[in-house]
């Protein structure tokens, strides 16, 4: 199983570790639960910014987890 945190375009002000890009754009896997990818995006609302984090199984291309909040909880990385 490969779980990556790879974000070369992380906004400045976050001093978080960045993982190596182990998949190197090879997103073809042979079975479920071998590799996951994720992304974080920011959504502007009338009440302020929300962050949306999502995890996708590369085999099924299905969302296997997501979280939304007012900030990124750095203790979970």
N, C-alpha and C. Protein backbone atom coordinates (compact mmCIF):
# COMPACT_ATOMS: atom_id res chain seq x y z
N UNK A 1 0.84 -1.17 0.00
CA UNK A 1 0.00 0.00 0.00
C UNK A 1 0.89 1.24 0.00
N UNK A 2 0.52 2.22 -0.80
CA UNK A 2 1.27 3.47 -0.88
C UNK A 2 0.33 4.61 -0.55
N UNK A 3 0.67 5.42 0.42
CA UNK A 3 -0.09 6.62 0.74
C UNK A 3 0.87 7.78 0.64
N UNK A 4 0.55 8.72 -0.22
CA UNK A 4 1.46 9.83 -0.49
C UNK A 4 0.89 11.15 -0.02
N UNK A 5 1.74 11.99 0.48
CA UNK A 5 1.42 13.39 0.69
C UNK A 5 2.43 14.14 -0.17
N UNK A 6 1.99 14.53 -1.34
CA UNK A 6 2.88 15.18 -2.30
C UNK A 6 2.19 16.42 -2.81
N UNK A 7 2.72 17.57 -2.51
CA UNK A 7 2.09 18.80 -2.94
C UNK A 7 3.16 19.85 -3.20
N UNK A 8 3.68 19.90 -4.43
CA UNK A 8 4.73 20.88 -4.71
C UNK A 8 4.22 22.31 -4.70
N UNK A 9 2.92 22.52 -4.75
CA UNK A 9 2.39 23.88 -4.78
C UNK A 9 1.77 24.31 -3.48
N UNK A 10 2.25 23.79 -2.36
CA UNK A 10 1.69 24.13 -1.07
C UNK A 10 1.88 25.63 -0.80
N UNK A 11 0.82 26.30 -0.32
CA UNK A 11 0.94 27.74 -0.06
C UNK A 11 2.04 28.03 0.97
N UNK A 12 2.67 29.16 0.83
CA UNK A 12 3.69 29.54 1.80
C UNK A 12 3.03 29.76 3.16
N UNK A 13 3.80 29.64 4.20
CA UNK A 13 3.27 29.79 5.55
C UNK A 13 3.03 28.45 6.22
N UNK A 14 3.00 27.36 5.45
CA UNK A 14 2.87 26.04 6.02
C UNK A 14 4.23 25.38 6.00
N UNK A 15 4.72 25.03 7.15
CA UNK A 15 6.02 24.38 7.24
C UNK A 15 5.78 22.89 7.48
N UNK A 16 5.24 22.18 6.46
CA UNK A 16 4.90 20.79 6.58
C UNK A 16 5.82 19.94 5.71
N UNK A 17 6.08 18.70 6.11
CA UNK A 17 6.92 17.84 5.28
C UNK A 17 6.21 17.47 3.98
N UNK A 18 6.97 17.31 2.92
CA UNK A 18 6.44 16.89 1.63
C UNK A 18 7.07 15.54 1.29
N UNK A 19 6.23 14.55 0.99
CA UNK A 19 6.73 13.19 0.68
C UNK A 19 7.27 13.13 -0.73
N UNK A 20 8.15 12.17 -0.98
CA UNK A 20 8.63 11.92 -2.33
C UNK A 20 7.48 11.44 -3.21
N UNK A 21 7.55 11.73 -4.48
CA UNK A 21 6.53 11.30 -5.44
C UNK A 21 6.84 9.86 -5.86
N UNK A 22 6.40 8.89 -5.08
CA UNK A 22 6.74 7.49 -5.31
C UNK A 22 6.07 6.91 -6.55
N UNK A 23 4.91 7.40 -6.92
CA UNK A 23 4.21 6.85 -8.08
C UNK A 23 4.77 7.40 -9.39
N UNK A 24 5.39 8.55 -9.36
CA UNK A 24 5.97 9.16 -10.55
C UNK A 24 5.01 9.13 -11.74
N UNK A 25 3.76 9.53 -11.47
CA UNK A 25 2.68 9.61 -12.47
C UNK A 25 2.25 8.26 -13.03
N UNK A 26 2.71 7.15 -12.45
CA UNK A 26 2.25 5.83 -12.85
C UNK A 26 1.03 5.50 -11.98
N UNK A 27 -0.15 5.77 -12.51
CA UNK A 27 -1.37 5.62 -11.73
C UNK A 27 -2.16 4.37 -12.11
N UNK A 28 -1.50 3.39 -12.73
CA UNK A 28 -2.13 2.13 -13.07
C UNK A 28 -1.80 1.12 -11.98
N UNK A 29 -2.82 0.63 -11.30
CA UNK A 29 -2.62 -0.38 -10.25
C UNK A 29 -3.47 -1.60 -10.59
N UNK A 30 -3.09 -2.76 -10.05
CA UNK A 30 -3.71 -4.03 -10.41
C UNK A 30 -4.87 -4.43 -9.52
N UNK A 31 -4.98 -3.87 -8.32
CA UNK A 31 -6.08 -4.22 -7.43
C UNK A 31 -6.32 -3.08 -6.45
N UNK A 32 -7.48 -3.16 -5.81
CA UNK A 32 -7.87 -2.12 -4.85
C UNK A 32 -6.93 -2.11 -3.65
N UNK A 33 -6.86 -0.98 -2.99
CA UNK A 33 -6.10 -0.80 -1.75
C UNK A 33 -4.59 -0.94 -1.92
N UNK A 34 -4.08 -0.73 -3.12
CA UNK A 34 -2.63 -0.72 -3.34
C UNK A 34 -2.06 0.68 -3.26
N UNK A 35 -2.79 1.64 -3.80
CA UNK A 35 -2.28 3.02 -3.83
C UNK A 35 -3.43 3.99 -3.69
N UNK A 36 -3.18 5.02 -2.93
CA UNK A 36 -4.17 6.08 -2.73
C UNK A 36 -3.53 7.41 -3.10
N UNK A 37 -4.36 8.32 -3.56
CA UNK A 37 -3.90 9.68 -3.78
C UNK A 37 -4.86 10.62 -3.06
N UNK A 38 -4.38 11.80 -2.80
CA UNK A 38 -5.21 12.77 -2.10
C UNK A 38 -4.91 14.17 -2.54
N UNK A 39 -5.79 15.06 -2.17
CA UNK A 39 -5.60 16.46 -2.50
C UNK A 39 -6.32 17.30 -1.46
N UNK A 40 -5.87 18.51 -1.33
CA UNK A 40 -6.51 19.49 -0.45
C UNK A 40 -6.83 20.71 -1.29
N UNK A 41 -8.04 21.19 -1.17
CA UNK A 41 -8.43 22.41 -1.87
C UNK A 41 -9.13 23.33 -0.89
N UNK A 42 -9.20 24.57 -1.26
CA UNK A 42 -9.83 25.58 -0.41
C UNK A 42 -11.07 26.10 -1.11
N UNK A 43 -12.14 26.27 -0.33
CA UNK A 43 -13.43 26.69 -0.86
C UNK A 43 -13.84 27.97 -0.15
N UNK A 44 -14.09 29.03 -0.93
CA UNK A 44 -14.52 30.29 -0.33
C UNK A 44 -16.03 30.24 -0.08
N UNK A 45 -16.44 30.58 1.13
CA UNK A 45 -17.85 30.65 1.47
C UNK A 45 -18.15 32.05 2.00
N UNK A 46 -19.41 32.33 2.25
CA UNK A 46 -19.77 33.63 2.81
C UNK A 46 -19.23 33.79 4.23
N UNK A 47 -18.95 32.70 4.90
CA UNK A 47 -18.45 32.74 6.27
C UNK A 47 -16.94 32.65 6.36
N UNK A 48 -16.26 32.49 5.23
CA UNK A 48 -14.80 32.38 5.22
C UNK A 48 -14.36 31.19 4.39
N UNK A 49 -13.09 30.81 4.56
CA UNK A 49 -12.51 29.73 3.77
C UNK A 49 -12.67 28.40 4.49
N UNK A 50 -12.96 27.35 3.71
CA UNK A 50 -12.97 25.97 4.20
C UNK A 50 -11.92 25.18 3.45
N UNK A 51 -11.32 24.21 4.12
CA UNK A 51 -10.40 23.31 3.43
C UNK A 51 -11.11 21.97 3.26
N UNK A 52 -10.94 21.37 2.07
CA UNK A 52 -11.51 20.07 1.76
C UNK A 52 -10.36 19.13 1.41
N UNK A 53 -10.20 18.07 2.20
CA UNK A 53 -9.18 17.05 1.93
C UNK A 53 -9.90 15.79 1.48
N UNK A 54 -9.35 15.15 0.44
CA UNK A 54 -10.00 13.97 -0.12
C UNK A 54 -8.95 12.91 -0.42
N UNK A 55 -9.32 11.62 -0.23
CA UNK A 55 -8.45 10.49 -0.53
C UNK A 55 -9.18 9.57 -1.50
N UNK A 56 -8.49 9.16 -2.58
CA UNK A 56 -9.08 8.35 -3.64
C UNK A 56 -8.26 7.08 -3.83
N UNK A 57 -8.94 5.93 -3.95
CA UNK A 57 -8.30 4.66 -4.29
C UNK A 57 -8.02 4.69 -5.79
N UNK A 58 -6.76 4.52 -6.18
CA UNK A 58 -6.40 4.62 -7.59
C UNK A 58 -6.99 3.51 -8.46
N UNK A 59 -7.25 2.35 -7.90
CA UNK A 59 -7.81 1.26 -8.69
C UNK A 59 -9.28 1.51 -9.03
N UNK A 60 -10.08 1.77 -8.02
CA UNK A 60 -11.52 1.96 -8.24
C UNK A 60 -11.88 3.39 -8.61
N UNK A 61 -10.95 4.31 -8.38
CA UNK A 61 -11.19 5.74 -8.60
C UNK A 61 -12.34 6.25 -7.73
N UNK A 62 -12.57 5.59 -6.62
CA UNK A 62 -13.62 5.97 -5.69
C UNK A 62 -13.03 6.76 -4.52
N UNK A 63 -13.81 7.70 -4.03
CA UNK A 63 -13.42 8.44 -2.84
C UNK A 63 -13.54 7.50 -1.65
N UNK A 64 -12.45 7.32 -0.91
CA UNK A 64 -12.47 6.44 0.26
C UNK A 64 -12.43 7.23 1.56
N UNK A 65 -12.22 8.53 1.47
CA UNK A 65 -12.23 9.36 2.67
C UNK A 65 -12.18 10.83 2.32
N UNK A 66 -12.78 11.64 3.17
CA UNK A 66 -12.72 13.08 2.97
C UNK A 66 -12.95 13.76 4.31
N UNK A 67 -12.51 14.99 4.39
CA UNK A 67 -12.70 15.79 5.58
C UNK A 67 -12.78 17.26 5.18
N UNK A 68 -13.62 18.00 5.88
CA UNK A 68 -13.76 19.42 5.60
C UNK A 68 -13.66 20.17 6.93
N UNK A 69 -12.97 21.29 6.91
CA UNK A 69 -12.84 22.07 8.13
C UNK A 69 -12.36 23.47 7.85
N UNK A 70 -12.26 24.25 8.91
CA UNK A 70 -11.82 25.65 8.78
C UNK A 70 -10.32 25.77 8.63
N UNK A 71 -9.58 24.71 8.96
CA UNK A 71 -8.12 24.74 8.84
C UNK A 71 -7.62 23.31 8.61
N UNK A 72 -6.36 23.19 8.26
CA UNK A 72 -5.75 21.88 8.05
C UNK A 72 -5.18 21.41 9.39
N UNK A 73 -5.65 20.29 9.93
CA UNK A 73 -5.13 19.80 11.21
C UNK A 73 -3.76 19.16 11.01
N UNK A 74 -2.70 19.89 11.28
CA UNK A 74 -1.34 19.43 11.00
C UNK A 74 -0.94 18.25 11.87
N UNK A 75 -1.59 18.01 12.96
CA UNK A 75 -1.23 16.89 13.81
C UNK A 75 -1.55 15.54 13.21
N UNK A 76 -2.33 15.49 12.13
CA UNK A 76 -2.73 14.24 11.51
C UNK A 76 -1.80 13.82 10.39
N UNK A 77 -0.85 14.65 10.00
CA UNK A 77 0.02 14.32 8.87
C UNK A 77 1.16 13.46 9.28
